[in-house]
Protein backbone atom coordinates (compact mmCIF):
# COMPACT_ATOMS: atom_id res chain seq x y z
CA MET A 1 -103.96 52.92 -68.59
CA LEU A 2 -106.71 55.26 -69.37
CA LYS A 3 -108.04 53.49 -72.64
CA LYS A 4 -107.88 49.94 -70.63
CA VAL A 5 -109.94 51.22 -68.12
CA ILE A 6 -112.39 53.08 -70.57
CA GLY A 7 -112.73 49.35 -72.06
CA ALA A 8 -113.10 47.79 -68.95
CA ILE A 9 -116.27 50.08 -67.92
CA ALA A 10 -117.30 49.49 -71.76
CA LEU A 11 -117.55 45.98 -71.75
CA ALA A 12 -119.00 45.60 -67.96
CA VAL A 13 -121.84 47.90 -69.07
CA GLY A 14 -122.28 46.06 -72.20
CA PHE A 15 -122.81 42.45 -70.50
CA SER A 16 -125.13 44.77 -67.36
CA THR A 17 -127.40 45.50 -70.40
CA ALA A 18 -127.20 42.43 -72.07
CA LEU A 19 -128.06 40.41 -68.74
CA VAL A 20 -130.83 42.93 -68.06
CA ILE A 21 -132.60 42.57 -71.74
CA ALA A 22 -132.29 39.54 -71.64
CA ASN A 23 -133.93 38.76 -68.32
CA SER A 24 -136.77 40.74 -69.51
CA ALA A 25 -137.48 38.83 -72.63
CA TRP A 26 -137.31 36.05 -71.23
CA ALA A 27 -139.62 36.71 -68.61
CA GLN A 28 -142.44 37.96 -70.73
CA GLN A 29 -142.32 34.46 -72.32
CA PRO A 30 -144.98 32.24 -70.34
CA ASN A 31 -143.49 29.95 -68.07
CA SER A 32 -145.64 26.50 -69.01
CA GLN A 33 -145.04 22.73 -70.80
CA THR A 34 -146.58 20.67 -72.33
CA LEU A 35 -146.94 16.88 -71.55
CA GLN A 36 -147.53 13.87 -73.64
CA LEU A 37 -150.15 11.86 -72.99
CA THR A 38 -149.54 8.43 -74.23
CA PRO A 39 -151.55 5.31 -74.13
CA SER A 40 -152.11 3.09 -70.78
CA ARG A 41 -153.09 -0.90 -71.06
CA ASP A 42 -153.90 -0.63 -74.88
CA SER A 43 -156.16 1.92 -74.45
CA GLY A 44 -155.69 3.88 -77.59
CA VAL A 45 -156.58 7.12 -75.85
CA SER A 46 -154.12 10.15 -75.97
CA GLY A 47 -153.28 13.83 -75.66
CA THR A 48 -151.36 16.61 -74.02
CA ALA A 49 -151.46 18.03 -70.71
CA THR A 50 -150.31 21.87 -70.22
CA LEU A 51 -148.90 23.13 -67.14
CA THR A 52 -149.04 26.89 -66.78
CA ASP A 53 -147.55 28.94 -63.94
CA THR A 54 -150.71 31.67 -63.00
CA ASP A 55 -150.64 34.62 -60.17
CA GLY A 56 -152.50 32.12 -57.98
CA GLY A 57 -150.88 28.71 -58.74
CA VAL A 58 -150.63 26.32 -61.68
CA GLN A 59 -153.07 25.76 -63.98
CA VAL A 60 -153.94 22.44 -65.80
CA GLN A 61 -154.92 21.47 -69.15
CA LEU A 62 -156.18 18.39 -70.72
CA SER A 63 -157.14 17.15 -73.69
CA VAL A 64 -157.12 13.72 -75.22
CA GLN A 65 -158.73 12.07 -78.38
CA GLY A 66 -159.43 8.37 -78.59
CA LEU A 67 -162.20 8.19 -75.76
CA PRO A 68 -164.30 5.42 -76.56
CA LYS A 69 -167.70 5.90 -75.35
CA ASP A 70 -169.69 9.26 -75.87
CA GLY A 71 -170.54 10.83 -72.59
CA ALA A 72 -168.49 8.62 -70.13
CA GLU A 73 -166.66 11.09 -67.31
CA HIS A 74 -163.38 10.16 -67.18
CA ILE A 75 -161.56 11.38 -63.55
CA ALA A 76 -158.06 12.88 -63.46
CA HIS A 77 -154.77 13.29 -61.54
CA ILE A 78 -151.63 14.00 -60.30
CA HIS A 79 -150.26 11.25 -58.37
CA ARG A 80 -146.88 11.23 -56.63
CA ASP A 81 -143.69 8.92 -55.88
CA ALA A 82 -144.23 6.80 -58.89
CA SER A 83 -144.37 7.03 -62.99
CA CYS A 84 -146.75 6.05 -65.35
CA SER A 85 -144.42 2.68 -65.57
CA ASP A 86 -145.30 2.12 -62.06
CA ASP A 87 -149.10 2.79 -62.66
CA ARG A 88 -149.22 0.49 -65.95
CA ALA A 89 -147.00 -1.97 -63.48
CA ASP A 90 -150.28 -1.51 -60.88
CA LYS A 91 -147.85 0.26 -58.69
CA GLY A 92 -149.20 3.60 -59.20
CA GLY A 93 -148.49 6.25 -56.30
CA PRO A 94 -150.79 8.49 -54.45
CA VAL A 95 -153.11 10.91 -55.42
CA GLU A 96 -151.32 14.21 -54.67
CA TYR A 97 -153.66 16.49 -56.88
CA PRO A 98 -157.24 15.71 -58.32
CA LEU A 99 -157.95 17.44 -61.49
CA GLU A 100 -161.34 18.32 -63.09
CA SER A 101 -163.11 15.15 -64.78
CA ILE A 102 -162.66 15.11 -68.56
CA THR A 103 -166.39 13.94 -70.52
CA ALA A 104 -165.85 12.22 -73.90
CA GLN A 105 -167.48 14.04 -76.91
CA PRO A 106 -169.14 12.14 -79.55
CA ASP A 107 -165.99 12.11 -81.57
CA GLY A 108 -164.17 10.71 -79.09
CA THR A 109 -162.03 14.00 -77.34
CA GLY A 110 -162.34 15.35 -74.35
CA SER A 111 -160.86 18.26 -72.10
CA SER A 112 -160.73 19.85 -68.94
CA THR A 113 -159.07 22.66 -67.30
CA THR A 114 -158.21 22.58 -63.02
CA ASP A 115 -156.31 25.27 -61.22
CA ILE A 116 -154.39 23.96 -58.46
CA PRO A 117 -153.85 26.93 -55.74
CA ASP A 118 -150.50 27.72 -54.31
CA VAL A 119 -147.93 25.53 -55.99
CA THR A 120 -145.70 26.70 -58.67
CA LEU A 121 -144.55 24.68 -62.12
CA ALA A 122 -141.26 24.93 -59.56
CA GLN A 123 -142.62 22.95 -57.24
CA LEU A 124 -144.16 20.51 -58.98
CA PHE A 125 -141.07 19.79 -60.96
CA ASP A 126 -138.28 19.52 -57.77
CA GLY A 127 -137.31 15.73 -58.66
CA THR A 128 -140.24 14.03 -56.96
CA GLN A 129 -141.84 11.52 -59.24
CA ARG A 130 -145.35 12.99 -60.47
CA TYR A 131 -146.96 11.62 -63.49
CA VAL A 132 -150.70 12.95 -65.08
CA ASN A 133 -153.01 10.17 -64.93
CA VAL A 134 -156.65 10.00 -66.81
CA HIS A 135 -158.49 7.27 -65.73
CA ALA A 136 -160.97 4.40 -67.76
CA GLU A 137 -164.86 5.59 -66.88
CA GLN A 138 -165.90 4.37 -63.20
CA SER A 139 -167.55 0.88 -62.88
CA GLY A 140 -167.91 -0.45 -59.53
CA GLU A 141 -166.06 0.41 -56.23
CA GLY A 142 -162.10 1.72 -56.38
CA THR A 143 -160.08 4.10 -59.04
CA PRO A 144 -160.60 2.98 -62.32
CA PRO A 145 -157.45 2.29 -64.20
CA GLY A 146 -155.04 4.40 -66.04
CA ILE A 147 -155.57 4.99 -70.19
CA ALA A 148 -153.46 7.72 -70.53
CA CYS A 149 -150.42 8.86 -68.39
CA ALA A 150 -147.60 11.38 -68.85
CA ASP A 151 -144.55 11.81 -66.32
CA LEU A 152 -143.65 15.22 -65.11
CA PRO A 153 -140.19 16.06 -66.18
CA SER A 154 -137.97 16.38 -62.86
CA THR A 155 -135.70 19.25 -63.68
CA GLY A 156 -135.38 21.01 -60.29
CA THR A 157 -134.07 23.85 -62.66
CA GLN A 158 -136.96 26.17 -62.72
CA GLY A 159 -135.97 29.69 -62.72
CA GLN A 160 -132.35 29.64 -62.72
CA THR A 161 -129.87 31.38 -64.90
CA LYS A 162 -126.91 30.12 -65.32
CA MET A 163 -123.48 31.25 -66.62
CA GLU A 164 -122.39 28.81 -68.95
CA LYS A 165 -119.16 29.48 -70.47
CA THR A 166 -116.83 32.21 -71.47
CA VAL A 167 -114.93 32.08 -75.02
CA LYS A 168 -111.69 32.31 -74.55
CA SER A 169 -110.47 36.19 -76.79
CA GLU A 170 -108.99 36.75 -79.89
CA THR A 171 -106.39 38.86 -80.85
CA THR A 172 -107.67 40.69 -84.21
CA GLN A 173 -105.81 43.59 -86.29
CA PRO A 174 -105.00 46.65 -84.36
CA LEU A 175 -107.32 49.73 -83.92
CA PRO A 176 -107.22 52.85 -85.75
CA LYS A 177 -104.51 55.39 -83.68
CA SER A 178 -107.35 57.39 -82.56
CA GLY A 179 -107.93 54.30 -79.87
CA GLY A 180 -111.63 53.52 -78.24
CA VAL A 181 -113.51 50.73 -77.40
CA LEU A 182 -116.18 49.28 -80.12
CA VAL A 183 -118.87 46.81 -78.21
CA GLY A 184 -120.54 44.65 -80.12
CA SER A 185 -123.73 43.00 -80.75
CA VAL A 186 -126.01 41.74 -78.34
CA LEU A 187 -128.38 38.23 -78.92
CA LEU A 188 -131.27 37.88 -77.01
CA PRO A 189 -132.87 34.87 -76.15
CA THR A 190 -135.00 32.75 -78.80
CA GLN A 191 -137.76 30.36 -77.66
CA PRO A 192 -136.50 26.90 -76.36
CA CYS A 193 -135.20 25.03 -79.07
CA CYS A 194 -135.55 21.75 -77.31
CA SER A 195 -137.03 19.59 -74.75
CA ASP A 196 -134.96 20.51 -71.51
CA GLY A 197 -136.03 24.21 -72.41
CA VAL A 198 -132.73 25.80 -72.70
CA SER A 199 -132.52 29.52 -74.96
CA TRP A 200 -128.44 31.23 -74.71
CA ALA A 201 -128.30 34.99 -75.12
CA THR A 202 -124.66 36.03 -76.44
CA LEU A 203 -122.92 39.04 -75.85
CA SER A 204 -120.07 39.68 -78.49
CA TYR A 205 -117.49 42.66 -77.43
CA VAL A 206 -114.16 44.17 -78.41
CA SER A 207 -111.88 45.77 -75.93
CA GLY A 208 -109.77 48.70 -76.92
CA GLY A 209 -105.67 49.16 -76.63
CA SER A 210 -102.76 48.88 -78.79
CA ARG A 211 -104.42 45.56 -80.33
CA SER A 212 -108.36 44.73 -80.54
CA GLY A 213 -109.47 41.77 -78.49
CA ILE A 214 -112.69 39.48 -79.63
CA GLY A 215 -114.71 38.01 -77.15
CA VAL A 216 -118.10 36.38 -76.56
CA ILE A 217 -120.26 35.84 -73.42
CA ARG A 218 -122.36 33.35 -73.44
CA LEU A 219 -125.39 32.78 -70.88
CA ARG A 220 -127.51 29.67 -70.33
CA PHE A 221 -131.31 30.33 -69.26
CA SER A 222 -133.14 27.50 -68.02
CA LEU A 223 -136.71 27.30 -67.77
């Protein structure tokens, strides 16, 4: 009985330690997402929009290429309640956050950085349709059409930590007669491998008793 109690305590301590270390390692990673700006209306303009959580809000960095006219100013926005497909069908959504304009350089590139206060990535990715839109050069009245666009993902899972599953135990060779408990390896989260920004932390353990039991606990982390 004593061995079983010790085994349970050691397993609990090992699991808690793994969770704390995994969360700490994950917290050190920047909370950022890069979106691909793709051409609209056969503009040939493409690039990236990088959104990063900051202490005071969200920073949006735009970087584009293929701009047709040196020195031209291109306004940009985050729109809501519509998508890039809607915008390309002339059914775009209203402007929610104005972004700093992009000025075209001689080589057709351009960039801008905007700090949006009092908002987080979790709020921007809360399930509401939103998209980043870079517009054509202003000419005449009204807002010029979009020339490069990126939809914001609607994950609704920012900052959540989920227990994914526990793999069933397997019976292996008996422990030495002295008994005892052996706590195995802890694998910390890696950089997100996929577009959904998921990483894994795995705790492997061996519990004591007349026969040893091996199990694996996997923790799923979502950005």
